[in-house]
Amino acid sequence: MFTGLKREWIIGRALKKLSRQRVVGTMQLGIKHVLGIKLVFLILFLGVINADSGEVPLLVSPHLMSYLDKIVDLTGRRVVVERRSLPFGLKAGFQRDPQFIRIILDPSLDLKSDYAEQSIAHELTHGLLAYGKGYSDLTPKRPLTAKEQKHRNTTAMVVEEIVVNKIIQNDGFSPFSPDYPANVQQETKVAYTRQMYHSDFIDDEEGLNQWMVLRYTNAWGLVEYCSLDQNVKDIISEYLRAFKNGYPKQFGMAEQIKTAVKQNNIFEADGYRKTMVSILGLWRLNNFLQILDS
C-alpha cells in the first residue's frame, strides 16, 4: 500500500508523462509503467482525454480512493479502466477478466460528474463480488445469438444489482445514480398509461419483459434493503404501485424473483447462486446459460 505522499508523487509523475504524450482513446495495457501502479485507473483516465481540449481529468475523491484501495486489498487484483462504447445505453460496466478488475466507461460519461464517481464505485463492487466474495458468473453453454446475449445480460443484473447497491451504500456511496429518481418518475408516468416500455436495444417480447422485471426488482431492492430519504422512497414506492397495476404479467414475473430472493441470502455467494439457479429455471434459460462458480 502506498503512503499518501508516495502515492501522490507516483501519480503526479505518471500524469505528467501521459499529458506530454497527449494520448487520445483507450489506453492499452502494454504500458508497463502504468501497470506497475496500484491506482492504475487514475492514470488511464488521462489517456482518454484530449490534452488540447481543455477537459479536466476526473478529480477522484479521497472517499473513492479509499474504496478502491479496499477493493484491491480484498481481491488482490489491480483495477484497469477502458474508455469505449457500451451497449443498452449503459454509462459504465464491469467485465470479468482473468487478471484484473476491468471497468469500462462509455465515452459519453462525463468524468467530472458525480455520476462518474458513483458509477465507478458501483462497477468496482461487481469486481469485489466476483473476485473477493466468490459470487458465481452466468456463462453461456454455447455461442449465443444476439438476442440470447441480451437475455443473458439482463438476467445477470436482476439480483446482483440489488447486492451491489446495498454494499456501496454501506460504504458511503449513493445506491443509485443522480438521475435515477427522475428516470423512475418518467417510468411511473408510462406505467400509469399501461404502455409497454420502449427500448432501442431490446426488440423481442421476452427480452423486454425481462428488462421490465429488472427495472422493477432494482427499484424494489432499493426500498427493501437500502436506507432512502423519504422523498426518494416515495418516488420509488409510487413507481412500484404503478408497475403492479399497469403490468400484471411482468409484475407476476417480478414476484417470482422476489420470492426467490427472500428464500435465500443473496448477500452471500451461496444464497446468490441458489437464487440465480431458480431464475434460470423460471425464465427457461437453462438450455443456453449456466452458473459457473468463481
Protein backbone atom coordinates (compact mmCIF):
# COMPACT_ATOMS: atom_id res chain seq x y z
CA MET A 1 0.00 0.00 0.00
CA PHE A 2 1.38 3.41 -0.99
CA THR A 3 1.60 6.12 1.63
CA GLY A 4 -0.27 9.33 0.79
CA LEU A 5 2.83 11.30 -0.24
CA LYS A 6 4.37 8.48 -2.21
CA ARG A 7 1.08 7.77 -3.99
CA GLU A 8 0.68 11.44 -4.95
CA TRP A 9 4.26 11.55 -6.21
CA ILE A 10 3.84 8.43 -8.35
CA ILE A 11 0.50 9.53 -9.76
CA GLY A 12 1.78 13.04 -10.43
CA ARG A 13 4.78 11.79 -12.39
CA ALA A 14 2.65 9.39 -14.39
CA LEU A 15 0.04 12.03 -15.19
CA LYS A 16 2.70 14.49 -16.37
CA LYS A 17 4.22 11.84 -18.60
CA LEU A 18 0.90 10.91 -20.12
CA SER A 19 -0.14 14.54 -20.60
CA ARG A 20 3.01 15.12 -22.65
CA GLN A 21 2.09 12.15 -24.81
CA ARG A 22 -1.36 13.63 -25.48
CA VAL A 23 -2.89 10.21 -25.78
CA VAL A 24 -6.48 10.06 -27.04
CA GLY A 25 -8.70 6.95 -26.88
CA THR A 26 -8.35 3.83 -24.79
CA MET A 27 -5.06 3.34 -23.03
CA GLN A 28 -3.55 -0.02 -23.89
CA LEU A 29 -2.38 -2.44 -21.22
CA GLY A 30 1.11 -2.79 -22.69
CA ILE A 31 2.41 0.32 -20.93
CA LYS A 32 4.46 -1.30 -18.20
CA HIS A 33 4.91 1.75 -16.01
CA VAL A 34 1.13 2.12 -15.83
CA LEU A 35 0.53 -1.46 -14.82
CA GLY A 36 3.02 -1.09 -12.03
CA ILE A 37 0.83 1.45 -10.27
CA LYS A 38 -1.82 0.11 -7.93
CA LEU A 39 -4.14 3.01 -8.65
CA VAL A 40 -3.78 2.47 -12.36
CA PHE A 41 -7.27 3.64 -13.23
CA LEU A 42 -6.41 7.22 -12.35
CA ILE A 43 -3.72 7.30 -14.99
CA LEU A 44 -5.88 5.57 -17.54
CA PHE A 45 -8.46 8.32 -17.21
CA LEU A 46 -5.98 10.84 -18.55
CA GLY A 47 -5.40 8.57 -21.53
CA VAL A 48 -8.94 9.20 -22.77
CA ILE A 49 -8.79 12.99 -22.57
CA ASN A 50 -7.53 15.20 -25.37
CA ALA A 51 -4.84 17.39 -23.90
CA ASP A 52 -5.80 20.24 -26.27
CA SER A 53 -9.49 20.13 -25.39
CA GLY A 54 -9.21 21.83 -22.01
CA GLU A 55 -11.15 19.00 -20.38
CA VAL A 56 -10.03 18.32 -16.83
CA PRO A 57 -9.36 14.72 -15.68
CA LEU A 58 -11.72 13.23 -13.12
CA LEU A 59 -10.95 14.54 -9.66
CA VAL A 60 -11.19 11.39 -7.60
CA SER A 61 -12.32 12.00 -4.06
CA PRO A 62 -10.46 10.59 -1.06
CA HIS A 63 -13.62 8.56 -0.42
CA LEU A 64 -13.42 6.78 -3.78
CA MET A 65 -9.65 6.43 -3.44
CA SER A 66 -10.13 4.69 -0.09
CA TYR A 67 -12.80 2.41 -1.54
CA LEU A 68 -10.54 1.48 -4.44
CA ASP A 69 -7.77 0.58 -2.01
CA LYS A 70 -10.21 -1.60 -0.10
CA ILE A 71 -11.35 -3.45 -3.24
CA VAL A 72 -7.75 -4.02 -4.36
CA ASP A 73 -6.80 -5.35 -0.92
CA LEU A 74 -9.81 -7.68 -0.71
CA THR A 75 -9.42 -9.09 -4.22
CA GLY A 76 -5.65 -8.99 -4.71
CA ARG A 77 -6.25 -7.51 -8.17
CA ARG A 78 -5.32 -4.25 -9.84
CA VAL A 79 -8.01 -2.16 -11.46
CA VAL A 80 -7.89 -1.09 -15.10
CA VAL A 81 -10.33 1.17 -16.88
CA GLU A 82 -11.13 1.31 -20.59
CA ARG A 83 -12.99 4.06 -22.38
CA ARG A 84 -15.19 2.52 -25.08
CA SER A 85 -18.81 2.30 -26.14
CA LEU A 86 -21.20 0.16 -24.12
CA PRO A 87 -24.49 -1.46 -25.18
CA PHE A 88 -28.01 -0.79 -23.83
CA GLY A 89 -27.27 2.87 -23.18
CA LEU A 90 -25.06 1.99 -20.22
CA LYS A 91 -22.56 4.56 -19.00
CA ALA A 92 -20.29 2.13 -17.14
CA GLY A 93 -19.79 -1.60 -16.94
CA PHE A 94 -17.77 -4.35 -15.32
CA GLN A 95 -16.19 -7.11 -17.40
CA ARG A 96 -14.76 -10.29 -15.92
CA ASP A 97 -11.08 -10.69 -16.65
CA PRO A 98 -8.53 -13.41 -15.84
CA GLN A 99 -6.13 -10.94 -14.24
CA PHE A 100 -7.67 -7.54 -13.45
CA ILE A 101 -10.82 -5.85 -12.25
CA ARG A 102 -11.76 -4.35 -15.60
CA ILE A 103 -14.13 -1.38 -15.74
CA ILE A 104 -15.43 0.10 -18.98
CA LEU A 105 -16.65 3.70 -19.20
CA ASP A 106 -18.73 4.84 -22.15
CA PRO A 107 -17.29 7.89 -23.98
CA SER A 108 -20.49 9.79 -23.19
CA LEU A 109 -19.79 9.65 -19.44
CA ASP A 110 -18.62 12.99 -18.07
CA LEU A 111 -15.61 12.12 -15.96
CA LYS A 112 -16.06 15.24 -13.84
CA SER A 113 -19.59 14.40 -12.77
CA ASP A 114 -20.98 12.87 -9.59
CA TYR A 115 -22.48 10.25 -11.90
CA ALA A 116 -18.96 9.08 -12.79
CA GLU A 117 -17.84 8.57 -9.19
CA GLN A 118 -20.99 6.65 -8.24
CA SER A 119 -20.69 4.54 -11.39
CA ILE A 120 -17.06 3.68 -10.71
CA ALA A 121 -17.84 2.65 -7.13
CA HIS A 122 -20.74 0.55 -8.43
CA GLU A 123 -18.64 -1.29 -11.00
CA LEU A 124 -15.76 -1.80 -8.56
CA THR A 125 -18.24 -3.60 -6.33
CA HIS A 126 -19.15 -6.02 -9.10
CA GLY A 127 -15.43 -6.82 -9.14
CA LEU A 128 -15.49 -7.32 -5.37
CA LEU A 129 -18.33 -9.84 -5.67
CA ALA A 130 -16.58 -11.74 -8.44
CA TYR A 131 -13.05 -11.84 -7.04
CA GLY A 132 -13.37 -11.08 -3.35
CA LYS A 133 -16.59 -12.80 -2.33
CA GLY A 134 -16.76 -15.71 -4.76
CA TYR A 135 -20.02 -14.83 -6.49
CA SER A 136 -20.77 -17.10 -9.43
CA ASP A 137 -20.96 -15.99 -13.04
CA LEU A 138 -23.70 -16.53 -15.60
CA THR A 139 -21.99 -18.09 -18.62
CA PRO A 140 -23.13 -19.46 -21.98
CA LYS A 141 -23.19 -23.18 -22.72
CA ARG A 142 -22.60 -22.43 -26.40
CA PRO A 143 -22.15 -19.41 -28.67
CA LEU A 144 -25.11 -17.10 -28.15
CA THR A 145 -27.26 -15.30 -30.66
CA ALA A 146 -27.58 -11.54 -30.30
CA LYS A 147 -30.99 -11.98 -28.70
CA GLU A 148 -29.72 -14.60 -26.26
CA GLN A 149 -26.79 -12.36 -25.28
CA LYS A 150 -29.23 -9.59 -24.39
CA HIS A 151 -31.23 -12.04 -22.28
CA ARG A 152 -28.05 -13.14 -20.56
CA ASN A 153 -27.00 -9.54 -19.80
CA THR A 154 -30.39 -8.68 -18.31
CA THR A 155 -30.63 -11.86 -16.25
CA ALA A 156 -27.14 -11.37 -14.82
CA MET A 157 -28.18 -7.99 -13.39
CA VAL A 158 -31.54 -8.91 -11.86
CA VAL A 159 -30.19 -9.93 -8.46
CA GLU A 160 -26.59 -8.73 -8.45
CA GLU A 161 -27.65 -5.10 -8.79
CA ILE A 162 -29.56 -5.41 -5.51
CA VAL A 163 -26.45 -6.71 -3.76
CA VAL A 164 -24.16 -4.06 -5.23
CA ASN A 165 -26.49 -1.20 -4.34
CA LYS A 166 -26.62 -2.25 -0.69
CA ILE A 167 -22.85 -2.72 -0.44
CA ILE A 168 -21.93 0.65 -1.90
CA GLN A 169 -24.41 2.41 0.36
CA ASN A 170 -22.85 0.66 3.35
CA ASP A 171 -19.55 2.17 2.17
CA GLY A 172 -20.97 5.67 1.97
CA PHE A 173 -21.92 5.97 -1.70
CA SER A 174 -25.37 6.56 -3.11
CA PRO A 175 -27.06 3.28 -4.05
CA PHE A 176 -28.41 4.89 -7.22
CA SER A 177 -27.19 7.33 -9.85
CA PRO A 178 -28.03 11.07 -9.59
CA ASP A 179 -30.60 10.87 -12.41
CA TYR A 180 -32.33 7.72 -11.11
CA PRO A 181 -35.25 9.40 -9.25
CA ALA A 182 -36.13 11.48 -12.34
CA ASN A 183 -35.97 8.38 -14.55
CA VAL A 184 -38.23 6.49 -12.15
CA GLN A 185 -40.76 9.32 -12.22
CA GLN A 186 -40.81 9.15 -16.00
CA GLU A 187 -41.29 5.37 -15.93
CA THR A 188 -44.11 5.84 -13.43
CA LYS A 189 -45.94 8.11 -15.88
CA VAL A 190 -45.57 5.47 -18.58
CA ALA A 191 -46.81 2.74 -16.23
CA TYR A 192 -49.97 4.75 -15.46
CA THR A 193 -50.78 4.69 -19.18
CA ARG A 194 -50.10 0.94 -19.29
CA GLN A 195 -47.90 1.41 -22.33
CA MET A 196 -45.12 -1.11 -22.78
CA TYR A 197 -41.58 0.05 -22.25
CA HIS A 198 -39.71 1.16 -25.33
CA SER A 199 -36.11 0.09 -25.78
CA ASP A 200 -33.71 0.81 -28.60
CA PHE A 201 -31.65 -2.20 -27.56
CA ILE A 202 -34.17 -5.00 -26.84
CA ASP A 203 -36.70 -5.76 -29.56
CA ASP A 204 -38.22 -9.14 -28.61
CA GLU A 205 -41.16 -9.54 -26.23
CA GLU A 206 -39.44 -11.99 -23.90
CA GLY A 207 -36.37 -9.82 -23.57
CA LEU A 208 -38.45 -6.71 -22.99
CA ASN A 209 -40.41 -8.47 -20.24
CA GLN A 210 -37.14 -9.43 -18.55
CA TRP A 211 -35.87 -5.86 -18.83
CA MET A 212 -39.05 -4.54 -17.23
CA VAL A 213 -38.67 -7.04 -14.40
CA LEU A 214 -35.07 -5.90 -13.93
CA ARG A 215 -36.22 -2.32 -13.60
CA TYR A 216 -38.87 -3.32 -11.06
CA THR A 217 -36.63 -5.56 -8.93
CA ASN A 218 -33.89 -2.94 -8.87
CA ALA A 219 -36.39 -0.39 -7.52
CA TRP A 220 -37.87 -2.89 -5.08
CA GLY A 221 -34.40 -3.82 -3.84
CA LEU A 222 -33.63 -0.18 -3.05
CA VAL A 223 -36.76 0.12 -0.91
CA GLU A 224 -36.32 -3.31 0.69
CA TYR A 225 -32.61 -3.27 1.51
CA CYS A 226 -31.31 0.32 1.37
CA SER A 227 -31.80 3.38 3.55
CA LEU A 228 -33.53 6.04 1.46
CA ASP A 229 -34.57 9.64 2.01
CA GLN A 230 -38.34 9.81 2.35
CA ASN A 231 -38.75 11.75 -0.88
CA VAL A 232 -36.83 9.16 -2.90
CA LYS A 233 -38.63 6.32 -1.14
CA ASP A 234 -41.98 7.89 -2.02
CA ILE A 235 -40.96 8.25 -5.68
CA ILE A 236 -39.89 4.62 -5.92
CA SER A 237 -42.90 3.33 -3.98
CA GLU A 238 -45.26 5.12 -6.36
CA TYR A 239 -43.45 3.51 -9.29
CA LEU A 240 -43.81 0.06 -7.73
CA ARG A 241 -47.56 0.59 -7.30
CA ALA A 242 -47.93 1.89 -10.85
CA PHE A 243 -45.97 -1.06 -12.22
CA LYS A 244 -48.14 -3.54 -10.32
CA ASN A 245 -51.33 -2.02 -11.70
CA GLY A 246 -50.07 -1.32 -15.20
CA TYR A 247 -48.17 -4.50 -15.98
CA PRO A 248 -49.82 -7.53 -14.32
CA LYS A 249 -47.88 -10.07 -16.40
CA GLN A 250 -44.49 -8.53 -15.72
CA PHE A 251 -45.42 -7.94 -12.08
CA GLY A 252 -46.16 -11.66 -11.73
CA MET A 253 -42.70 -12.43 -13.12
CA ALA A 254 -41.15 -9.95 -10.68
CA GLU A 255 -43.00 -11.52 -7.74
CA GLN A 256 -41.36 -14.85 -8.58
CA ILE A 257 -37.95 -13.18 -8.47
CA LYS A 258 -38.76 -11.51 -5.15
CA THR A 259 -39.81 -14.86 -3.70
CA ALA A 260 -36.53 -16.46 -4.79
CA VAL A 261 -34.56 -13.55 -3.32
CA LYS A 262 -36.37 -13.75 0.02
CA GLN A 263 -35.86 -17.51 0.27
CA ASN A 264 -32.08 -17.13 0.03
CA ASN A 265 -29.47 -14.81 1.46
CA ILE A 266 -28.35 -13.10 -1.73
CA PHE A 267 -25.72 -11.19 0.25
CA GLU A 268 -23.72 -14.40 0.49
CA ALA A 269 -22.29 -16.24 -2.53
CA ASP A 270 -24.19 -19.48 -1.90
CA GLY A 271 -27.54 -17.75 -1.47
CA TYR A 272 -26.93 -15.72 -4.62
CA ARG A 273 -26.11 -18.86 -6.56
CA LYS A 274 -29.29 -20.61 -5.41
CA THR A 275 -31.35 -17.59 -6.42
CA MET A 276 -29.81 -17.48 -9.88
CA VAL A 277 -30.43 -21.20 -10.37
CA SER A 278 -34.09 -20.55 -9.61
CA ILE A 279 -34.25 -17.69 -12.10
CA LEU A 280 -32.72 -19.76 -14.89
CA GLY A 281 -35.48 -22.27 -14.34
CA LEU A 282 -38.25 -19.69 -14.09
CA TRP A 283 -37.19 -17.96 -17.29
CA ARG A 284 -36.32 -21.21 -19.10
CA LEU A 285 -32.77 -20.16 -19.86
CA ASN A 286 -31.09 -23.43 -18.88
CA ASN A 287 -30.74 -24.54 -22.48
CA PHE A 288 -28.08 -21.94 -23.22
CA LEU A 289 -26.95 -20.49 -19.84
CA GLN A 290 -25.27 -21.99 -16.79
CA ILE A 291 -23.91 -20.93 -13.42
CA LEU A 292 -20.12 -21.01 -13.18
CA ASP A 293 -18.64 -20.80 -9.69
CA SER A 294 -15.70 -18.46 -9.16
